[in-house]
Protein backbone atom coordinates (compact mmCIF):
# COMPACT_ATOMS: atom_id res chain seq x y z
CA MET A 1 -2.09 8.14 16.56
CA THR A 2 -1.71 6.14 13.36
CA HIS A 3 -2.07 2.48 12.54
CA ASP A 4 0.88 0.27 11.67
CA ASP A 5 0.69 -0.73 7.99
CA THR A 6 3.20 -3.53 8.41
CA ALA A 7 1.06 -5.21 11.03
CA ILE A 8 -2.00 -5.56 8.77
CA GLU A 9 -0.55 -6.01 5.30
CA GLY A 10 -1.43 -9.71 5.04
CA PRO A 11 -5.10 -9.40 4.06
CA PHE A 12 -4.20 -7.54 0.85
CA GLU A 13 -1.95 -10.07 -0.86
CA GLY A 14 1.31 -8.55 0.33
CA LEU A 15 0.32 -4.92 -0.21
CA THR A 16 0.30 -2.41 2.61
CA PRO A 17 -2.87 -0.31 2.89
CA ALA A 18 -1.01 2.67 1.35
CA GLU A 19 0.13 0.56 -1.60
CA GLY A 20 -3.37 -0.82 -1.93
CA LEU A 21 -4.86 2.66 -2.12
CA ASP A 22 -2.42 3.61 -4.85
CA LEU A 23 -3.23 0.46 -6.81
CA LEU A 24 -6.96 1.07 -6.46
CA ARG A 25 -6.55 4.57 -7.86
CA THR A 26 -4.29 3.71 -10.79
CA GLY A 27 -4.79 0.06 -11.70
CA GLY A 28 -7.12 -1.44 -14.25
CA ILE A 29 -10.22 -3.21 -12.94
CA THR A 30 -11.29 -6.57 -14.37
CA VAL A 31 -14.64 -7.99 -13.29
CA GLU A 32 -14.42 -11.63 -12.18
CA GLY A 33 -17.93 -12.17 -10.84
CA ARG A 34 -20.85 -10.76 -8.88
CA LEU A 35 -21.77 -11.13 -5.21
CA THR A 36 -25.42 -12.03 -5.74
CA ALA A 37 -26.44 -11.78 -2.08
CA ALA A 38 -25.84 -8.01 -2.08
CA SER A 39 -28.85 -5.73 -2.54
CA ASN A 40 -26.88 -3.37 -4.81
CA ALA A 41 -24.57 -4.33 -7.68
CA THR A 42 -21.42 -5.63 -5.97
CA LEU A 43 -18.74 -7.00 -8.27
CA TYR A 44 -15.75 -9.12 -7.31
CA CYS A 45 -12.80 -7.88 -9.35
CA THR A 46 -9.06 -7.89 -9.85
CA VAL A 47 -7.21 -4.57 -9.89
CA SER A 48 -3.79 -4.63 -11.51
CA ASP A 49 -1.16 -2.26 -12.86
CA GLY A 50 1.07 -4.90 -14.44
CA SER A 51 3.48 -5.29 -11.55
CA ARG A 52 0.93 -5.46 -8.71
CA SER A 53 -2.41 -7.19 -8.44
CA ALA A 54 -5.07 -7.60 -5.77
CA ALA A 55 -8.68 -8.64 -5.36
CA CYS A 56 -11.20 -5.87 -4.82
CA VAL A 57 -14.90 -5.09 -4.63
CA TYR A 58 -16.32 -2.62 -7.13
CA LYS A 59 -19.76 -1.07 -6.60
CA PRO A 60 -20.83 1.10 -9.54
CA VAL A 61 -23.19 3.98 -8.84
CA ALA A 62 -25.31 2.78 -11.76
CA GLY A 63 -26.05 -0.41 -9.82
CA GLU A 64 -27.32 1.31 -6.66
CA ARG A 65 -30.93 0.64 -5.74
CA PRO A 66 -32.89 3.82 -4.86
CA LEU A 67 -33.62 4.21 -1.13
CA TRP A 68 -36.27 6.38 0.50
CA ASP A 69 -33.91 7.81 3.13
CA PHE A 70 -30.71 8.46 1.15
CA PRO A 71 -30.19 10.59 -1.97
CA ASP A 72 -29.91 8.54 -5.17
CA GLY A 73 -26.43 7.73 -6.40
CA THR A 74 -24.62 8.54 -3.14
CA LEU A 75 -23.90 5.16 -1.55
CA ALA A 76 -20.49 4.69 -3.17
CA GLY A 77 -19.38 8.10 -1.99
CA ARG A 78 -20.53 7.33 1.53
CA GLU A 79 -18.28 4.27 1.58
CA VAL A 80 -15.33 6.48 0.63
CA ALA A 81 -16.30 8.99 3.31
CA ALA A 82 -16.39 6.15 5.86
CA HIS A 83 -12.84 5.17 4.90
CA ALA A 84 -11.71 8.78 5.36
CA VAL A 85 -13.22 8.89 8.85
CA SER A 86 -11.62 5.55 9.72
CA GLU A 87 -8.20 6.87 8.69
CA ALA A 88 -8.68 10.15 10.54
CA LEU A 89 -9.49 8.23 13.71
CA GLY A 90 -6.32 6.20 13.18
CA TRP A 91 -8.14 2.87 13.57
CA ALA A 92 -8.16 1.37 10.05
CA VAL A 93 -11.71 0.06 10.49
CA VAL A 94 -12.41 0.31 6.74
CA PRO A 95 -10.25 -1.39 4.09
CA PRO A 96 -8.58 0.90 1.51
CA THR A 97 -11.40 2.48 -0.52
CA VAL A 98 -11.52 4.94 -3.42
CA HIS A 99 -14.06 6.59 -5.71
CA ARG A 100 -13.12 6.08 -9.36
CA ASP A 101 -14.21 5.15 -12.84
CA GLY A 102 -14.61 1.46 -13.60
CA PRO A 103 -16.02 -0.97 -16.16
CA PHE A 104 -19.58 0.22 -15.45
CA GLY A 105 -18.85 3.85 -14.70
CA GLU A 106 -18.11 5.78 -11.52
CA GLY A 107 -18.27 3.84 -8.29
CA MET A 108 -16.51 2.62 -5.20
CA ALA A 109 -13.52 0.26 -5.28
CA GLN A 110 -12.34 -1.38 -2.06
CA LEU A 111 -9.61 -3.93 -1.46
CA TRP A 112 -10.94 -7.40 -0.73
CA VAL A 113 -10.12 -8.54 2.81
CA HIS A 114 -8.80 -12.09 3.00
CA GLY A 115 -10.32 -12.78 6.38
CA ASP A 116 -9.92 -15.48 8.99
CA THR A 117 -12.63 -18.01 8.16
CA THR A 118 -12.04 -19.91 11.41
CA VAL A 119 -13.52 -17.09 13.52
CA ASP A 120 -17.09 -17.53 14.78
CA LEU A 121 -18.54 -14.16 13.79
CA VAL A 122 -21.63 -14.50 15.96
CA ALA A 123 -19.47 -15.11 19.02
CA LEU A 124 -17.15 -12.28 17.98
CA SER A 125 -20.04 -9.83 17.71
CA ARG A 126 -21.04 -10.55 21.32
CA GLU A 127 -17.62 -10.05 22.90
CA THR A 128 -17.33 -7.33 25.53
CA ASP A 129 -13.55 -7.24 26.04
CA ASN A 130 -12.46 -6.85 22.41
CA ALA A 131 -10.83 -3.43 21.99
CA ALA A 132 -11.00 -3.46 18.18
CA LEU A 133 -14.70 -4.38 18.22
CA ARG A 134 -15.37 -1.60 20.69
CA ARG A 135 -13.57 0.92 18.48
CA MET A 136 -15.78 -0.25 15.62
CA ALA A 137 -18.85 0.51 17.73
CA VAL A 138 -17.54 4.04 18.30
CA PHE A 139 -16.75 4.41 14.60
CA ASP A 140 -20.31 3.35 13.74
CA ALA A 141 -21.65 5.99 16.12
CA VAL A 142 -19.57 8.65 14.36
CA ILE A 143 -20.71 7.72 10.86
CA ASN A 144 -24.27 6.95 11.98
CA ASN A 145 -24.10 3.47 10.46
CA SER A 146 -27.60 2.10 9.89
CA ASP A 147 -26.50 -1.38 8.85
CA ARG A 148 -23.78 -2.98 11.02
CA LYS A 149 -24.54 -6.66 10.50
CA ILE A 150 -22.54 -9.58 11.91
CA GLY A 151 -21.47 -10.49 8.38
CA HIS A 152 -19.89 -7.07 7.98
CA LEU A 153 -17.19 -7.98 10.52
CA LEU A 154 -13.95 -9.00 8.79
CA PRO A 155 -11.34 -10.38 11.22
CA THR A 156 -7.99 -11.19 9.63
CA PRO A 157 -5.49 -13.97 10.39
CA GLN A 158 -3.10 -11.23 11.54
CA GLY A 159 -5.52 -10.19 14.30
CA HIS A 160 -6.87 -6.98 12.78
CA LEU A 161 -10.60 -6.30 12.50
CA TYR A 162 -12.07 -4.59 9.45
CA GLY A 163 -15.66 -3.75 8.61
CA CYS A 164 -17.41 -3.40 5.26
CA ASP A 165 -20.61 -2.11 3.66
CA HIS A 166 -20.89 1.46 4.94
CA GLY A 167 -23.03 2.85 2.12
CA VAL A 168 -26.07 3.55 4.28
CA SER A 169 -24.24 5.81 6.70
CA PHE A 170 -23.97 9.54 7.45
CA ALA A 171 -27.70 10.29 7.49
CA GLU A 172 -28.51 13.63 9.06
CA ASP A 173 -31.06 12.05 11.42
CA TYR A 174 -29.94 9.58 14.10
CA LYS A 175 -30.24 6.11 12.53
CA LEU A 176 -27.63 4.00 14.29
CA ARG A 177 -28.59 0.36 13.74
CA THR A 178 -26.07 -2.26 14.77
CA VAL A 179 -25.43 -5.61 16.44
CA LEU A 180 -22.83 -3.97 18.70
CA TRP A 181 -24.92 -2.58 21.54
CA GLN A 182 -23.11 -4.34 24.40
CA TRP A 183 -21.43 -1.10 25.56
CA GLN A 184 -24.44 1.23 25.44
CA GLY A 185 -24.24 3.78 28.22
CA SER A 186 -20.73 2.70 29.23
CA PRO A 187 -17.89 5.26 29.47
CA LEU A 188 -15.79 5.53 26.33
CA PRO A 189 -12.29 4.09 26.78
CA ASP A 190 -9.23 6.34 26.62
CA ASP A 191 -8.18 5.14 23.14
CA ALA A 192 -11.59 6.09 21.79
CA MET A 193 -11.26 9.58 23.22
CA VAL A 194 -7.82 10.01 21.65
CA GLY A 195 -9.19 9.01 18.24
CA LEU A 196 -12.27 11.21 18.54
CA GLU A 197 -10.25 14.26 19.53
CA ARG A 198 -7.89 13.65 16.62
CA LEU A 199 -10.87 13.38 14.26
CA ARG A 200 -12.40 16.57 15.66
CA ASP A 201 -9.18 18.48 14.98
CA LEU A 202 -8.91 17.15 11.43
CA LEU A 203 -12.56 17.92 10.68
CA ALA A 204 -11.87 21.52 11.70
CA ASP A 205 -9.12 21.74 9.06
CA PRO A 206 -10.75 22.28 5.63
CA ASP A 207 -7.56 21.08 3.92
CA SER A 208 -7.48 17.70 5.70
CA THR A 209 -8.31 14.59 3.70
CA VAL A 210 -11.31 13.73 5.84
CA ALA A 211 -12.79 17.24 5.56
CA ARG A 212 -12.34 17.24 1.78
CA GLU A 213 -13.84 13.76 1.33
CA LEU A 214 -16.87 14.54 3.49
CA ASP A 215 -17.48 17.79 1.63
CA ARG A 216 -17.21 15.91 -1.67
CA HIS A 217 -19.53 13.02 -0.85
CA LEU A 218 -22.03 14.30 1.73
CA THR A 219 -24.55 17.12 1.91
CA GLY A 220 -23.87 20.19 4.01
CA PRO A 221 -26.33 19.16 6.75
CA GLU A 222 -24.81 15.66 6.82
CA VAL A 223 -21.30 17.08 7.30
CA TYR A 224 -22.60 19.30 10.10
CA ALA A 225 -24.20 16.24 11.71
CA VAL A 226 -20.83 14.43 11.70
CA HIS A 227 -19.26 17.35 13.59
CA ALA A 228 -22.18 17.34 16.03
CA ARG A 229 -21.94 13.59 16.70
CA VAL A 230 -18.20 13.81 17.34
CA ASP A 231 -18.70 16.74 19.73
CA LEU A 232 -21.50 14.86 21.49
CA LEU A 233 -19.39 11.74 21.97
CA ILE A 234 -16.47 13.75 23.31
CA GLY A 235 -18.69 15.87 25.54
CA HIS A 236 -20.66 13.00 27.12
CA ARG A 237 -17.92 10.38 26.86
CA ILE A 238 -20.31 7.43 26.75
CA HIS A 239 -21.37 4.91 24.14
CA PRO A 240 -24.73 5.94 22.67
CA TYR A 241 -28.10 4.30 23.27
CA PRO A 242 -30.48 3.06 20.57
CA ALA A 243 -32.98 5.55 19.20
CA PRO A 244 -36.45 5.06 20.72
CA ASP A 245 -38.20 5.42 17.35
CA TRP A 246 -35.80 3.50 15.07
CA PRO A 247 -35.03 -0.25 14.86
CA ALA A 248 -31.91 -0.87 16.93
CA VAL A 249 -30.66 -3.96 15.06
CA PRO A 250 -30.50 -4.48 11.28
CA TRP A 251 -32.57 -7.27 9.77
CA PRO A 252 -31.38 -9.88 9.18
CA PRO A 253 -28.69 -9.30 11.83
CA VAL A 254 -26.25 -11.65 10.05
């Protein structure tokens, strides 16, 4: 199962996700400003190769704030690993994302999503019959996302749903923290099972993109934990519950 690039090309200024990835890898990055609300250095930029241009977010490793529960200098790589998992699932949850050199050194570059500003994100986060939102909840369980805020939901005018800010993911210990708990304990839908089984097969192939990216950006125990979470989801076929000893919802939730 793969996603249809032509159906979601609008958010990236006429570029398909594949074209956007190529531009992110090869284009020059020009810093336009800084998103001051972010806890780590998050720069709004333009990436261009002369014939193509698009807005992007650039997060240099040098601007990452040390955290007690994640190794220093790894958040950018975790965002790239999240994109690889999203692609392996076939769900395009994460916008095109690469790890590359930039104006302030190595970091993460991700295409800026031109979202639908008419959508009430609080109401969206509470929906129970939204298939894309439900897939995002499953994706978060796979990557062990510890920071799925309402503001990280990026619906597009074309009807696709992206998510952003996956730097604090892939911890070895269970740290799922999200606003999307409405399906806890419910059976996983068939489309989720198809994606999870596809991901399991690709993770087992050391030459697959997702296996290579996880090995590059995560520790050995963290990669093992991804395999274990996927196997657990497939084996039990239910949405997970919150951890009893870990905050279930990020703060602030928006």
